[in-house]
Amino acid sequence: MGNGPVINLQTMIKASDEIVSSKLDDQVVMMSIDKGAYFGLDEIGSRIWELLASPRTVSGLCSILIQEYDVPREECEQDILALLNELAEKNLLQITEEQSA
């Protein structure tokens, strides 16, 4: 694993304010102005990015996705944690201290 923070189900996260993103068809393309690098997400990754416009816990994110997609919770959690940790390593996410009410 890289140098980024480790994200777990209770981690409160949101999309980084430093990333410029645009939706193209069913995908989101993101650019890190700081690094001058482009990143792309598929349809489900794009939905996750959209949901991360507001801070939320990983567990809360999984709850939404389970309702929208026919996926078992355990599989959803594993896949989302893998994606979010990868995005965090690339500094595309912000870990926040805000707690949901």
N, C-alpha and C. Protein backbone atom coordinates (compact mmCIF):
# COMPACT_ATOMS: atom_id res chain seq x y z
N MET A 1 0.84 -1.19 0.00
CA MET A 1 0.00 0.00 0.00
C MET A 1 0.88 1.24 0.00
N GLY A 2 0.35 2.34 -0.46
CA GLY A 2 1.12 3.56 -0.60
C GLY A 2 1.16 4.40 0.66
N ASN A 3 1.37 5.68 0.48
CA ASN A 3 1.53 6.59 1.60
C ASN A 3 0.24 7.25 2.05
N GLY A 4 -0.85 7.02 1.36
CA GLY A 4 -2.11 7.67 1.70
C GLY A 4 -2.71 7.12 2.97
N PRO A 5 -3.72 7.81 3.49
CA PRO A 5 -4.39 7.36 4.70
C PRO A 5 -5.15 6.07 4.44
N VAL A 6 -5.32 5.27 5.47
CA VAL A 6 -6.11 4.05 5.35
C VAL A 6 -7.54 4.40 5.71
N ILE A 7 -8.45 4.03 4.84
CA ILE A 7 -9.87 4.33 5.03
C ILE A 7 -10.58 3.07 5.49
N ASN A 8 -11.46 3.22 6.48
CA ASN A 8 -12.28 2.10 6.94
C ASN A 8 -13.76 2.50 6.88
N LEU A 9 -14.64 1.63 7.32
CA LEU A 9 -16.09 1.87 7.18
C LEU A 9 -16.58 3.09 7.96
N GLN A 10 -15.88 3.48 9.02
CA GLN A 10 -16.31 4.62 9.83
C GLN A 10 -15.67 5.94 9.39
N THR A 11 -14.75 5.88 8.44
CA THR A 11 -14.07 7.09 7.98
C THR A 11 -15.06 8.03 7.29
N MET A 12 -15.01 9.31 7.68
CA MET A 12 -15.84 10.34 7.05
C MET A 12 -15.01 10.96 5.92
N ILE A 13 -15.52 10.86 4.70
CA ILE A 13 -14.77 11.32 3.54
C ILE A 13 -15.62 12.20 2.63
N LYS A 14 -14.93 12.92 1.76
CA LYS A 14 -15.61 13.67 0.70
C LYS A 14 -14.62 13.84 -0.44
N ALA A 15 -15.14 14.18 -1.60
CA ALA A 15 -14.29 14.44 -2.76
C ALA A 15 -13.42 15.65 -2.47
N SER A 16 -12.19 15.61 -2.91
CA SER A 16 -11.26 16.72 -2.69
C SER A 16 -11.72 17.97 -3.44
N ASP A 17 -11.61 19.10 -2.77
CA ASP A 17 -11.94 20.38 -3.39
C ASP A 17 -10.90 20.80 -4.43
N GLU A 18 -9.75 20.13 -4.42
CA GLU A 18 -8.65 20.47 -5.31
C GLU A 18 -8.77 19.81 -6.69
N ILE A 19 -9.80 18.98 -6.87
CA ILE A 19 -9.96 18.21 -8.09
C ILE A 19 -11.04 18.83 -8.97
N VAL A 20 -10.74 19.00 -10.22
CA VAL A 20 -11.72 19.47 -11.20
C VAL A 20 -12.28 18.22 -11.88
N SER A 21 -13.61 18.11 -11.92
CA SER A 21 -14.21 16.92 -12.53
C SER A 21 -15.32 17.32 -13.50
N SER A 22 -15.55 16.43 -14.45
CA SER A 22 -16.60 16.65 -15.45
C SER A 22 -17.20 15.31 -15.82
N LYS A 23 -18.51 15.28 -16.00
CA LYS A 23 -19.19 14.06 -16.39
C LYS A 23 -19.24 13.98 -17.91
N LEU A 24 -18.80 12.85 -18.45
CA LEU A 24 -18.85 12.57 -19.88
C LEU A 24 -19.59 11.25 -20.06
N ASP A 25 -20.78 11.30 -20.62
CA ASP A 25 -21.64 10.13 -20.72
C ASP A 25 -21.86 9.56 -19.33
N ASP A 26 -21.48 8.27 -19.10
CA ASP A 26 -21.68 7.64 -17.80
C ASP A 26 -20.42 7.65 -16.94
N GLN A 27 -19.42 8.44 -17.35
CA GLN A 27 -18.15 8.44 -16.64
C GLN A 27 -17.81 9.84 -16.14
N VAL A 28 -16.98 9.86 -15.11
CA VAL A 28 -16.44 11.12 -14.62
C VAL A 28 -14.95 11.14 -14.93
N VAL A 29 -14.50 12.26 -15.46
CA VAL A 29 -13.08 12.48 -15.70
C VAL A 29 -12.65 13.56 -14.73
N MET A 30 -11.55 13.30 -14.02
CA MET A 30 -11.07 14.23 -13.01
C MET A 30 -9.66 14.67 -13.36
N MET A 31 -9.34 15.90 -12.96
CA MET A 31 -7.98 16.39 -13.17
C MET A 31 -7.47 16.99 -11.88
N SER A 32 -6.29 16.57 -11.51
CA SER A 32 -5.58 17.18 -10.40
C SER A 32 -4.74 18.31 -10.97
N ILE A 33 -5.16 19.53 -10.71
CA ILE A 33 -4.43 20.68 -11.23
C ILE A 33 -3.05 20.72 -10.61
N ASP A 34 -2.97 20.37 -9.34
CA ASP A 34 -1.71 20.35 -8.62
C ASP A 34 -0.69 19.42 -9.27
N LYS A 35 -1.15 18.22 -9.67
CA LYS A 35 -0.25 17.22 -10.24
C LYS A 35 -0.29 17.19 -11.76
N GLY A 36 -1.26 17.86 -12.36
CA GLY A 36 -1.39 17.83 -13.80
C GLY A 36 -1.72 16.45 -14.32
N ALA A 37 -2.48 15.68 -13.54
CA ALA A 37 -2.79 14.29 -13.90
C ALA A 37 -4.30 14.12 -14.08
N TYR A 38 -4.66 13.26 -15.02
CA TYR A 38 -6.06 12.93 -15.28
C TYR A 38 -6.40 11.58 -14.68
N PHE A 39 -7.65 11.45 -14.23
CA PHE A 39 -8.16 10.19 -13.69
C PHE A 39 -9.56 9.99 -14.24
N GLY A 40 -9.94 8.75 -14.46
CA GLY A 40 -11.28 8.45 -14.95
C GLY A 40 -11.96 7.41 -14.09
N LEU A 41 -13.27 7.51 -13.97
CA LEU A 41 -14.06 6.55 -13.20
C LEU A 41 -15.16 5.98 -14.08
N ASP A 42 -15.45 4.69 -13.91
CA ASP A 42 -16.54 4.06 -14.65
C ASP A 42 -17.88 4.52 -14.08
N GLU A 43 -18.96 3.93 -14.52
CA GLU A 43 -20.30 4.36 -14.13
C GLU A 43 -20.50 4.30 -12.61
N ILE A 44 -20.13 3.21 -11.99
CA ILE A 44 -20.34 3.07 -10.54
C ILE A 44 -19.36 3.98 -9.78
N GLY A 45 -18.12 4.03 -10.23
CA GLY A 45 -17.16 4.94 -9.61
C GLY A 45 -17.62 6.39 -9.74
N SER A 46 -18.25 6.71 -10.85
CA SER A 46 -18.77 8.06 -11.06
C SER A 46 -19.90 8.37 -10.09
N ARG A 47 -20.75 7.37 -9.83
CA ARG A 47 -21.84 7.55 -8.86
C ARG A 47 -21.26 7.77 -7.47
N ILE A 48 -20.22 7.03 -7.13
CA ILE A 48 -19.56 7.20 -5.83
C ILE A 48 -19.01 8.62 -5.73
N TRP A 49 -18.35 9.09 -6.77
CA TRP A 49 -17.78 10.44 -6.77
C TRP A 49 -18.87 11.48 -6.57
N GLU A 50 -20.01 11.28 -7.25
CA GLU A 50 -21.14 12.20 -7.12
C GLU A 50 -21.63 12.23 -5.66
N LEU A 51 -21.73 11.06 -5.04
CA LEU A 51 -22.20 10.98 -3.65
C LEU A 51 -21.21 11.63 -2.68
N LEU A 52 -19.94 11.67 -3.06
CA LEU A 52 -18.92 12.24 -2.18
C LEU A 52 -18.80 13.75 -2.29
N ALA A 53 -19.73 14.38 -2.99
CA ALA A 53 -19.76 15.84 -3.03
C ALA A 53 -20.02 16.38 -1.63
N SER A 54 -20.71 15.59 -0.80
CA SER A 54 -20.95 15.93 0.60
C SER A 54 -20.25 14.91 1.47
N PRO A 55 -19.75 15.33 2.63
CA PRO A 55 -19.07 14.37 3.52
C PRO A 55 -20.03 13.27 3.96
N ARG A 56 -19.52 12.04 3.97
CA ARG A 56 -20.31 10.90 4.48
C ARG A 56 -19.36 9.79 4.88
N THR A 57 -19.86 8.90 5.71
CA THR A 57 -19.04 7.76 6.10
C THR A 57 -19.03 6.73 4.98
N VAL A 58 -18.02 5.90 4.98
CA VAL A 58 -17.94 4.83 3.98
C VAL A 58 -19.14 3.89 4.17
N SER A 59 -19.49 3.60 5.41
CA SER A 59 -20.64 2.74 5.69
C SER A 59 -21.93 3.33 5.12
N GLY A 60 -22.11 4.65 5.29
CA GLY A 60 -23.28 5.33 4.74
C GLY A 60 -23.29 5.29 3.23
N LEU A 61 -22.13 5.45 2.63
CA LEU A 61 -21.99 5.36 1.18
C LEU A 61 -22.40 3.97 0.70
N CYS A 62 -21.95 2.94 1.39
CA CYS A 62 -22.32 1.56 1.03
C CYS A 62 -23.83 1.36 1.14
N SER A 63 -24.44 1.91 2.17
CA SER A 63 -25.89 1.76 2.35
C SER A 63 -26.66 2.32 1.14
N ILE A 64 -26.22 3.45 0.64
CA ILE A 64 -26.87 4.05 -0.54
C ILE A 64 -26.67 3.16 -1.76
N LEU A 65 -25.44 2.70 -1.97
CA LEU A 65 -25.13 1.90 -3.16
C LEU A 65 -25.84 0.55 -3.14
N ILE A 66 -26.01 -0.03 -1.98
CA ILE A 66 -26.72 -1.32 -1.87
C ILE A 66 -28.17 -1.16 -2.31
N GLN A 67 -28.76 0.01 -2.00
CA GLN A 67 -30.14 0.27 -2.42
C GLN A 67 -30.22 0.49 -3.93
N GLU A 68 -29.21 1.12 -4.51
CA GLU A 68 -29.23 1.46 -5.94
C GLU A 68 -28.78 0.32 -6.84
N TYR A 69 -27.89 -0.53 -6.34
CA TYR A 69 -27.35 -1.64 -7.13
C TYR A 69 -27.60 -2.93 -6.37
N ASP A 70 -27.85 -3.98 -7.08
CA ASP A 70 -28.13 -5.28 -6.47
C ASP A 70 -26.79 -5.95 -6.12
N VAL A 71 -26.27 -5.59 -4.95
CA VAL A 71 -24.96 -6.11 -4.54
C VAL A 71 -25.01 -6.43 -3.05
N PRO A 72 -24.42 -7.56 -2.65
CA PRO A 72 -24.36 -7.88 -1.22
C PRO A 72 -23.51 -6.85 -0.47
N ARG A 73 -23.87 -6.56 0.77
CA ARG A 73 -23.17 -5.54 1.56
C ARG A 73 -21.67 -5.84 1.67
N GLU A 74 -21.31 -7.07 1.97
CA GLU A 74 -19.90 -7.41 2.16
C GLU A 74 -19.09 -7.13 0.89
N GLU A 75 -19.64 -7.51 -0.25
CA GLU A 75 -18.96 -7.26 -1.53
C GLU A 75 -18.84 -5.76 -1.80
N CYS A 76 -19.92 -5.03 -1.52
CA CYS A 76 -19.94 -3.58 -1.71
C CYS A 76 -18.85 -2.93 -0.85
N GLU A 77 -18.81 -3.31 0.43
CA GLU A 77 -17.83 -2.73 1.34
C GLU A 77 -16.40 -2.99 0.87
N GLN A 78 -16.11 -4.21 0.46
CA GLN A 78 -14.76 -4.55 0.01
C GLN A 78 -14.37 -3.75 -1.23
N ASP A 79 -15.28 -3.70 -2.21
CA ASP A 79 -15.00 -2.99 -3.45
C ASP A 79 -14.83 -1.48 -3.22
N ILE A 80 -15.71 -0.92 -2.37
CA ILE A 80 -15.65 0.52 -2.11
C ILE A 80 -14.38 0.88 -1.34
N LEU A 81 -14.04 0.07 -0.35
CA LEU A 81 -12.82 0.36 0.41
C LEU A 81 -11.59 0.32 -0.49
N ALA A 82 -11.55 -0.64 -1.40
CA ALA A 82 -10.41 -0.73 -2.33
C ALA A 82 -10.34 0.52 -3.20
N LEU A 83 -11.47 0.94 -3.77
CA LEU A 83 -11.51 2.13 -4.62
C LEU A 83 -11.15 3.39 -3.83
N LEU A 84 -11.75 3.56 -2.66
CA LEU A 84 -11.52 4.78 -1.88
C LEU A 84 -10.09 4.88 -1.39
N ASN A 85 -9.50 3.77 -1.01
CA ASN A 85 -8.09 3.81 -0.58
C ASN A 85 -7.19 4.17 -1.76
N GLU A 86 -7.53 3.68 -2.95
CA GLU A 86 -6.77 4.04 -4.15
C GLU A 86 -6.91 5.54 -4.45
N LEU A 87 -8.13 6.06 -4.35
CA LEU A 87 -8.35 7.49 -4.58
C LEU A 87 -7.64 8.33 -3.52
N ALA A 88 -7.64 7.87 -2.28
CA ALA A 88 -6.97 8.60 -1.20
C ALA A 88 -5.46 8.65 -1.43
N GLU A 89 -4.88 7.55 -1.91
CA GLU A 89 -3.45 7.51 -2.19
C GLU A 89 -3.07 8.52 -3.27
N LYS A 90 -4.02 8.84 -4.16
CA LYS A 90 -3.77 9.80 -5.23
C LYS A 90 -4.23 11.21 -4.83
N ASN A 91 -4.57 11.37 -3.53
CA ASN A 91 -5.00 12.67 -2.99
C ASN A 91 -6.26 13.21 -3.66
N LEU A 92 -7.17 12.31 -4.02
CA LEU A 92 -8.42 12.72 -4.65
C LEU A 92 -9.56 12.85 -3.64
N LEU A 93 -9.31 12.44 -2.40
CA LEU A 93 -10.33 12.49 -1.34
C LEU A 93 -9.83 13.32 -0.18
N GLN A 94 -10.78 13.82 0.60
CA GLN A 94 -10.47 14.48 1.86
C GLN A 94 -11.11 13.68 2.98
N ILE A 95 -10.33 13.40 3.99
CA ILE A 95 -10.89 12.77 5.19
C ILE A 95 -11.28 13.91 6.12
N THR A 96 -12.52 13.92 6.55
CA THR A 96 -13.02 15.01 7.37
C THR A 96 -13.28 14.52 8.79
N GLU A 97 -13.39 15.47 9.69
CA GLU A 97 -13.70 15.15 11.09
C GLU A 97 -15.18 15.33 11.38
N GLU A 98 -15.91 15.81 10.38
CA GLU A 98 -17.34 16.05 10.59
C GLU A 98 -18.04 14.72 10.83
N GLN A 99 -18.99 14.74 11.74
CA GLN A 99 -19.78 13.54 12.02
C GLN A 99 -21.22 13.79 11.56
N SER A 100 -21.82 12.76 11.00
CA SER A 100 -23.21 12.91 10.57
C SER A 100 -24.12 12.91 11.78
N ALA A 101 -25.18 13.71 11.72
CA ALA A 101 -26.10 13.83 12.86
C ALA A 101 -27.07 12.69 12.91
